[in-house]
Amino acid sequence: MTEIILDNRILNEKSEIISERLPGVIVEKNRINIDDRGVLISLIRADDHFATDKIEEVYVVMNHSKNTVRAFHGHKELIDWFSIIKGSAKFALFDARKKIEGKNNEFFGKMNEITLSDKHISTLTVPVGVFHGWMSLEDNTILISIANNVYNHDKPDEHRIPPNAWGYKWEVKYR
């Protein structure tokens, strides 16, 4: 079954709403200011409603060619915020949280796909416990990654699994 993300819902190929976006996963269009000098884009501020924690590290990831996959991994403490500032990318998110705030998570084991692009710059929030990965859809795609914790090289907060986990296929679905 083909699923398409539209606004905050997942639609199947008949455009029927089949479920909500995974809890805590947010896509927020960024503030863009344009004048005769150029463009200024605000990716995240401490007072943004989706800035749910402190910000401790920012880094840039550049994929040289389209169809480059970086997946899957999840965190126990780290929250990620991602923005594509050049090119486009498809993100896959798998909810591995059995409970959220002590309650059973009805989305446990479910997956979302989200596409980000420099044509509509947005910030994607990936909460703790949601495994995620991404595939560049264009050559020379650039991602800005923002994290609530500094990456600890000696004891990384990440659990990596193969890109084909859960039977996921990294491909463009033609419609």
Protein backbone atom coordinates (compact mmCIF):
# COMPACT_ATOMS: atom_id res chain seq x y z
CA MET A 1 0.00 0.00 0.00
CA THR A 2 1.40 3.40 -0.97
CA GLU A 3 1.37 6.00 1.80
CA ILE A 4 1.73 9.74 1.23
CA ILE A 5 2.38 12.31 3.94
CA LEU A 6 0.10 15.33 3.58
CA ASP A 7 0.09 17.96 6.30
CA ASN A 8 0.05 15.95 9.55
CA ARG A 9 -1.65 12.82 8.26
CA ILE A 10 -0.64 9.71 6.32
CA LEU A 11 -2.81 8.95 3.30
CA ASN A 12 -3.04 5.72 1.34
CA GLU A 13 -3.23 5.57 -2.46
CA LYS A 14 -6.99 6.22 -2.32
CA SER A 15 -6.33 9.39 -0.27
CA GLU A 16 -7.98 7.87 2.80
CA ILE A 17 -6.56 8.92 6.16
CA ILE A 18 -5.09 5.79 7.74
CA SER A 19 -3.28 7.20 10.78
CA GLU A 20 -1.78 10.25 12.42
CA ARG A 21 1.87 11.19 12.23
CA LEU A 22 4.01 9.42 14.84
CA PRO A 23 3.75 11.20 18.23
CA GLY A 24 6.41 13.87 18.65
CA VAL A 25 7.38 13.87 14.96
CA ILE A 26 6.86 17.43 13.74
CA VAL A 27 7.50 19.11 10.40
CA GLU A 28 7.58 22.86 10.82
CA LYS A 29 7.97 25.29 7.90
CA ASN A 30 10.85 27.64 8.67
CA ARG A 31 10.74 31.42 8.80
CA ILE A 32 12.32 32.79 5.64
CA ASN A 33 13.21 36.45 5.18
CA ILE A 34 14.08 37.64 1.68
CA ASP A 35 15.26 41.07 0.65
CA ASP A 36 17.52 42.60 -2.00
CA ARG A 37 20.61 41.27 -0.18
CA GLY A 38 19.51 37.63 -0.19
CA VAL A 39 17.83 35.14 2.12
CA LEU A 40 17.91 34.54 5.89
CA ILE A 41 16.37 31.28 7.16
CA SER A 42 15.71 30.57 10.83
CA LEU A 43 15.91 26.79 11.36
CA ILE A 44 15.17 26.63 15.10
CA ARG A 45 14.97 28.99 18.05
CA ALA A 46 14.70 28.21 21.75
CA ASP A 47 11.19 29.70 21.79
CA ASP A 48 9.85 27.57 18.89
CA HIS A 49 7.08 25.20 20.04
CA PHE A 50 8.99 22.25 18.53
CA ALA A 51 12.23 23.14 20.36
CA THR A 52 11.42 20.73 23.17
CA ASP A 53 14.89 20.64 24.69
CA LYS A 54 18.22 22.47 24.74
CA ILE A 55 20.43 22.62 21.65
CA GLU A 56 24.04 21.47 22.12
CA GLU A 57 25.39 20.50 18.69
CA VAL A 58 24.89 21.50 15.07
CA TYR A 59 26.54 19.74 12.14
CA VAL A 60 26.30 19.50 8.36
CA VAL A 61 25.94 16.28 6.32
CA MET A 62 26.58 16.36 2.56
CA ASN A 63 25.63 13.50 0.25
CA HIS A 64 27.50 13.65 -3.06
CA SER A 65 24.96 11.69 -5.10
CA LYS A 66 21.24 10.97 -5.10
CA ASN A 67 20.05 7.65 -3.67
CA THR A 68 22.68 7.74 -0.92
CA VAL A 69 21.09 6.13 2.16
CA ARG A 70 22.05 6.85 5.77
CA ALA A 71 19.92 4.53 7.90
CA PHE A 72 18.70 3.35 10.41
CA HIS A 73 19.60 4.45 13.91
CA GLY A 74 17.80 5.49 17.08
CA HIS A 75 18.61 7.25 20.33
CA LYS A 76 17.73 6.81 24.02
CA GLU A 77 18.34 10.45 24.99
CA LEU A 78 19.06 12.44 21.85
CA ILE A 79 16.44 14.50 20.00
CA ASP A 80 17.26 15.33 16.37
CA TRP A 81 16.09 18.27 14.29
CA PHE A 82 16.84 18.05 10.55
CA SER A 83 16.60 20.60 7.75
CA ILE A 84 17.52 20.17 4.09
CA ILE A 85 19.11 23.39 2.85
CA LYS A 86 20.16 22.12 -0.59
CA GLY A 87 18.48 19.40 -2.64
CA SER A 88 15.85 17.07 -1.22
CA ALA A 89 15.66 13.95 0.92
CA LYS A 90 13.21 11.26 1.92
CA PHE A 91 13.14 10.35 5.62
CA ALA A 92 11.82 7.07 7.04
CA LEU A 93 10.84 6.99 10.72
CA PHE A 94 10.01 3.85 12.70
CA ASP A 95 8.37 4.16 16.12
CA ALA A 96 10.14 1.78 18.54
CA ARG A 97 8.54 3.29 21.67
CA LYS A 98 6.25 0.79 23.41
CA LYS A 99 5.17 3.45 25.90
CA ILE A 100 5.05 7.24 25.86
CA GLU A 101 4.73 8.96 29.23
CA GLY A 102 3.73 5.65 30.85
CA LYS A 103 0.93 4.89 28.38
CA ASN A 104 0.90 2.26 25.63
CA ASN A 105 1.92 3.78 22.29
CA GLU A 106 -0.69 2.93 19.64
CA PHE A 107 1.91 3.84 16.99
CA PHE A 108 4.51 1.32 18.20
CA GLY A 109 5.88 -0.52 15.14
CA LYS A 110 4.48 1.98 12.64
CA MET A 111 6.47 3.93 10.08
CA ASN A 112 6.20 7.39 8.50
CA GLU A 113 7.86 8.74 5.36
CA ILE A 114 8.54 12.45 5.09
CA THR A 115 10.17 14.36 2.25
CA LEU A 116 12.05 17.59 2.89
CA SER A 117 13.33 19.94 0.19
CA ASP A 118 15.12 23.24 -0.24
CA LYS A 119 12.03 24.35 -2.20
CA HIS A 120 10.03 24.45 1.05
CA ILE A 121 12.60 24.58 3.87
CA SER A 122 11.26 22.96 7.03
CA THR A 123 12.62 21.44 10.23
CA LEU A 124 11.82 17.82 11.05
CA THR A 125 11.75 16.87 14.75
CA VAL A 126 12.66 13.25 15.52
CA PRO A 127 11.97 12.36 19.18
CA VAL A 128 13.81 9.88 21.36
CA GLY A 129 12.94 6.26 20.51
CA VAL A 130 12.08 6.85 16.85
CA PHE A 131 14.53 5.10 14.52
CA HIS A 132 15.27 7.18 11.47
CA GLY A 133 17.22 7.38 8.28
CA TRP A 134 17.25 9.34 5.07
CA MET A 135 18.00 9.06 1.37
CA SER A 136 19.11 11.98 -0.79
CA LEU A 137 16.83 12.48 -3.78
CA GLU A 138 19.21 14.83 -5.59
CA ASP A 139 22.95 15.08 -6.11
CA ASN A 140 24.80 17.28 -3.60
CA THR A 141 22.02 17.29 -0.99
CA ILE A 142 22.96 19.13 2.22
CA LEU A 143 21.35 18.41 5.60
CA ILE A 144 21.71 20.50 8.75
CA SER A 145 21.44 18.35 11.88
CA ILE A 146 20.74 19.88 15.27
CA ALA A 147 20.87 17.83 18.49
CA ASN A 148 19.96 18.37 22.11
CA ASN A 149 23.14 16.59 23.29
CA VAL A 150 26.77 16.68 22.20
CA TYR A 151 27.76 13.50 20.37
CA ASN A 152 29.87 11.34 22.70
CA HIS A 153 32.42 9.47 20.54
CA ASP A 154 33.47 7.23 23.47
CA LYS A 155 29.91 6.22 24.38
CA PRO A 156 27.55 7.14 21.53
CA ASP A 157 23.81 7.32 22.19
CA GLU A 158 22.83 5.40 19.09
CA HIS A 159 21.68 1.98 18.10
CA ARG A 160 22.33 1.21 14.43
CA ILE A 161 20.43 -1.35 12.38
CA PRO A 162 20.52 -2.20 8.64
CA PRO A 163 18.81 0.09 6.11
CA ASN A 164 16.43 -2.72 5.07
CA ALA A 165 15.14 -3.25 8.63
CA TRP A 166 11.39 -3.77 8.91
CA GLY A 167 11.34 -4.60 5.18
CA TYR A 168 11.73 -0.94 4.26
CA LYS A 169 12.68 -0.23 0.64
CA TRP A 170 14.64 2.93 -0.07
CA GLU A 171 13.11 3.94 -3.36
CA VAL A 172 11.11 6.64 -5.05
CA LYS A 173 7.52 5.45 -5.32
CA TYR A 174 6.17 6.40 -8.69
CA ARG A 175 2.58 7.55 -8.66
